[in-house]
Amino acid sequence: MLFRDVIELLSRTLEQDPLTGEMREIETSRQVFANRRSVRQSEFYAAHMAGLQPEVMFEVRSFEYQDERALRYQGRRYDIIRTYDRGEMTELVCAAALNK
């Protein structure tokens, strides 16, 4: 199986500002190799009925996925709306992010 695509998995953590003491959200990213796939037709229609618009699916190695809720691919941000763990591989079904 070829992993031809590179995605950035995005995670957010809370960090305290040392000067003000205020909590702020920090986004970090890490790159992983993935396989870009089309969303299955049945999944597309089921998600659409629930008000979601899945656009793309990525397969990543399960040990590399750490419950991130967003990713970036070719400069575009996506929300991860569903995951499916298939043992060695995890599918990430994504929709275009509303919050950039």
C-alpha atoms as a PDB file:
ATOM      1  CA  MET A   1       0.000   0.000   0.000  1.00  0.00           C
ATOM      2  CA  LEU A   2       1.466   3.329  -1.056  1.00  0.00           C
ATOM      3  CA  PHE A   3       1.202   6.358   1.160  1.00  0.00           C
ATOM      4  CA  ARG A   4       1.477   9.111  -1.433  1.00  0.00           C
ATOM      5  CA  ASP A   5      -0.209  11.978   0.383  1.00  0.00           C
ATOM      6  CA  VAL A   6       1.059  14.029   3.293  1.00  0.00           C
ATOM      7  CA  ILE A   7      -1.470  15.445   5.750  1.00  0.00           C
ATOM      8  CA  GLU A   8      -1.025  17.562   8.847  1.00  0.00           C
ATOM      9  CA  LEU A   9      -2.959  16.291  11.841  1.00  0.00           C
ATOM     10  CA  LEU A  10      -3.991  19.262  13.984  1.00  0.00           C
ATOM     11  CA  SER A  11      -4.462  19.232  17.739  1.00  0.00           C
ATOM     12  CA  ARG A  12      -5.278  21.951  20.242  1.00  0.00           C
ATOM     13  CA  THR A  13      -4.060  22.323  23.782  1.00  0.00           C
ATOM     14  CA  LEU A  14      -4.581  24.934  26.479  1.00  0.00           C
ATOM     15  CA  GLU A  15      -1.506  26.797  27.672  1.00  0.00           C
ATOM     16  CA  GLN A  16      -1.171  29.448  30.323  1.00  0.00           C
ATOM     17  CA  ASP A  17       0.405  32.711  29.210  1.00  0.00           C
ATOM     18  CA  PRO A  18       3.357  33.288  31.584  1.00  0.00           C
ATOM     19  CA  LEU A  19       2.916  37.069  31.578  1.00  0.00           C
ATOM     20  CA  THR A  20      -0.849  37.470  31.930  1.00  0.00           C
ATOM     21  CA  GLY A  21      -1.781  34.128  33.448  1.00  0.00           C
ATOM     22  CA  GLU A  22      -4.596  33.789  30.913  1.00  0.00           C
ATOM     23  CA  MET A  23      -5.282  30.463  29.269  1.00  0.00           C
ATOM     24  CA  ARG A  24      -4.917  30.400  25.508  1.00  0.00           C
ATOM     25  CA  GLU A  25      -5.479  27.732  22.923  1.00  0.00           C
ATOM     26  CA  ILE A  26      -2.412  26.567  20.995  1.00  0.00           C
ATOM     27  CA  GLU A  27      -2.715  24.568  17.801  1.00  0.00           C
ATOM     28  CA  THR A  28       0.052  22.165  16.911  1.00  0.00           C
ATOM     29  CA  SER A  29       0.470  20.087  13.788  1.00  0.00           C
ATOM     30  CA  ARG A  30       2.396  17.026  12.792  1.00  0.00           C
ATOM     31  CA  GLN A  31       2.812  15.494   9.379  1.00  0.00           C
ATOM     32  CA  VAL A  32       1.927  11.903   8.560  1.00  0.00           C
ATOM     33  CA  PHE A  33       1.681   9.951   5.326  1.00  0.00           C
ATOM     34  CA  ALA A  34      -1.813   8.984   4.195  1.00  0.00           C
ATOM     35  CA  ASN A  35      -3.815   7.514   1.349  1.00  0.00           C
ATOM     36  CA  ARG A  36      -6.436   9.875  -0.053  1.00  0.00           C
ATOM     37  CA  ARG A  37      -9.721   8.127  -0.831  1.00  0.00           C
ATOM     38  CA  SER A  38     -13.168   9.113  -2.022  1.00  0.00           C
ATOM     39  CA  VAL A  39     -16.015   9.057   0.451  1.00  0.00           C
ATOM     40  CA  ARG A  40     -18.199   6.004  -0.110  1.00  0.00           C
ATOM     41  CA  GLN A  41     -21.554   6.776  -1.695  1.00  0.00           C
ATOM     42  CA  SER A  42     -23.550   5.218   1.153  1.00  0.00           C
ATOM     43  CA  GLU A  43     -21.557   7.167   3.728  1.00  0.00           C
ATOM     44  CA  PHE A  44     -21.989  10.392   1.792  1.00  0.00           C
ATOM     45  CA  TYR A  45     -25.781  10.090   1.744  1.00  0.00           C
ATOM     46  CA  ALA A  46     -26.039   8.973   5.368  1.00  0.00           C
ATOM     47  CA  ALA A  47     -23.899  11.909   6.510  1.00  0.00           C
ATOM     48  CA  HIS A  48     -25.798  14.333   4.289  1.00  0.00           C
ATOM     49  CA  MET A  49     -29.061  13.253   5.967  1.00  0.00           C
ATOM     50  CA  ALA A  50     -27.442  14.127   9.310  1.00  0.00           C
ATOM     51  CA  GLY A  51     -26.517  17.605   8.053  1.00  0.00           C
ATOM     52  CA  LEU A  52     -22.856  16.824   7.353  1.00  0.00           C
ATOM     53  CA  GLN A  53     -21.059  17.143   4.034  1.00  0.00           C
ATOM     54  CA  PRO A  54     -18.159  14.687   3.864  1.00  0.00           C
ATOM     55  CA  GLU A  55     -15.740  15.517   1.059  1.00  0.00           C
ATOM     56  CA  VAL A  56     -12.719  13.283   1.386  1.00  0.00           C
ATOM     57  CA  MET A  57     -11.420  10.306   3.315  1.00  0.00           C
ATOM     58  CA  PHE A  58      -7.851   9.540   4.331  1.00  0.00           C
ATOM     59  CA  GLU A  59      -6.360   6.277   5.528  1.00  0.00           C
ATOM     60  CA  VAL A  60      -3.536   6.575   8.054  1.00  0.00           C
ATOM     61  CA  ARG A  61      -1.675   4.021  10.104  1.00  0.00           C
ATOM     62  CA  SER A  62      -3.602   3.561  13.341  1.00  0.00           C
ATOM     63  CA  PHE A  63      -0.560   4.080  15.563  1.00  0.00           C
ATOM     64  CA  GLU A  64      -0.080   7.549  14.011  1.00  0.00           C
ATOM     65  CA  TYR A  65      -3.602   8.803  14.713  1.00  0.00           C
ATOM     66  CA  GLN A  66      -4.022  10.309  18.189  1.00  0.00           C
ATOM     67  CA  ASP A  67      -7.680  11.435  18.227  1.00  0.00           C
ATOM     68  CA  GLU A  68      -7.084  14.695  16.412  1.00  0.00           C
ATOM     69  CA  ARG A  69     -10.296  16.433  15.313  1.00  0.00           C
ATOM     70  CA  ALA A  70      -8.915  18.352  12.305  1.00  0.00           C
ATOM     71  CA  LEU A  71      -6.319  18.103   9.568  1.00  0.00           C
ATOM     72  CA  ARG A  72      -4.808  20.129   6.749  1.00  0.00           C
ATOM     73  CA  TYR A  73      -4.278  18.806   3.235  1.00  0.00           C
ATOM     74  CA  GLN A  74      -2.825  20.863   0.389  1.00  0.00           C
ATOM     75  CA  GLY A  75      -3.380  24.057   2.368  1.00  0.00           C
ATOM     76  CA  ARG A  76      -7.056  23.357   3.059  1.00  0.00           C
ATOM     77  CA  ARG A  77      -8.379  22.674   6.532  1.00  0.00           C
ATOM     78  CA  TYR A  78     -10.809  19.816   7.203  1.00  0.00           C
ATOM     79  CA  ASP A  79     -12.782  18.737  10.255  1.00  0.00           C
ATOM     80  CA  ILE A  80     -12.622  15.011  10.963  1.00  0.00           C
ATOM     81  CA  ILE A  81     -16.280  14.043  11.236  1.00  0.00           C
ATOM     82  CA  ARG A  82     -15.864  10.283  11.623  1.00  0.00           C
ATOM     83  CA  THR A  83     -13.119   7.773  12.241  1.00  0.00           C
ATOM     84  CA  TYR A  84     -13.112   4.043  11.667  1.00  0.00           C
ATOM     85  CA  ASP A  85     -10.374   1.889  13.167  1.00  0.00           C
ATOM     86  CA  ARG A  86      -9.685  -1.114  10.926  1.00  0.00           C
ATOM     87  CA  GLY A  87      -6.816  -2.566  12.921  1.00  0.00           C
ATOM     88  CA  GLU A  88      -3.581  -1.416  11.282  1.00  0.00           C
ATOM     89  CA  MET A  89      -5.359   1.387   9.410  1.00  0.00           C
ATOM     90  CA  THR A  90      -7.745   4.136  10.523  1.00  0.00           C
ATOM     91  CA  GLU A  91     -10.100   5.911   8.132  1.00  0.00           C
ATOM     92  CA  LEU A  92     -10.631   9.638   8.647  1.00  0.00           C
ATOM     93  CA  VAL A  93     -13.783  10.985   6.965  1.00  0.00           C
ATOM     94  CA  CYS A  94     -13.480  14.743   6.551  1.00  0.00           C
ATOM     95  CA  ALA A  95     -15.600  17.781   5.740  1.00  0.00           C
ATOM     96  CA  ALA A  96     -14.384  21.269   4.883  1.00  0.00           C
ATOM     97  CA  ALA A  97     -13.763  23.175   8.109  1.00  0.00           C
ATOM     98  CA  LEU A  98     -16.080  26.014   8.963  1.00  0.00           C
ATOM     99  CA  ASN A  99     -13.510  27.595  11.305  1.00  0.00           C
ATOM    100  CA  LYS A 100     -10.309  28.429   9.490  1.00  0.00           C
END
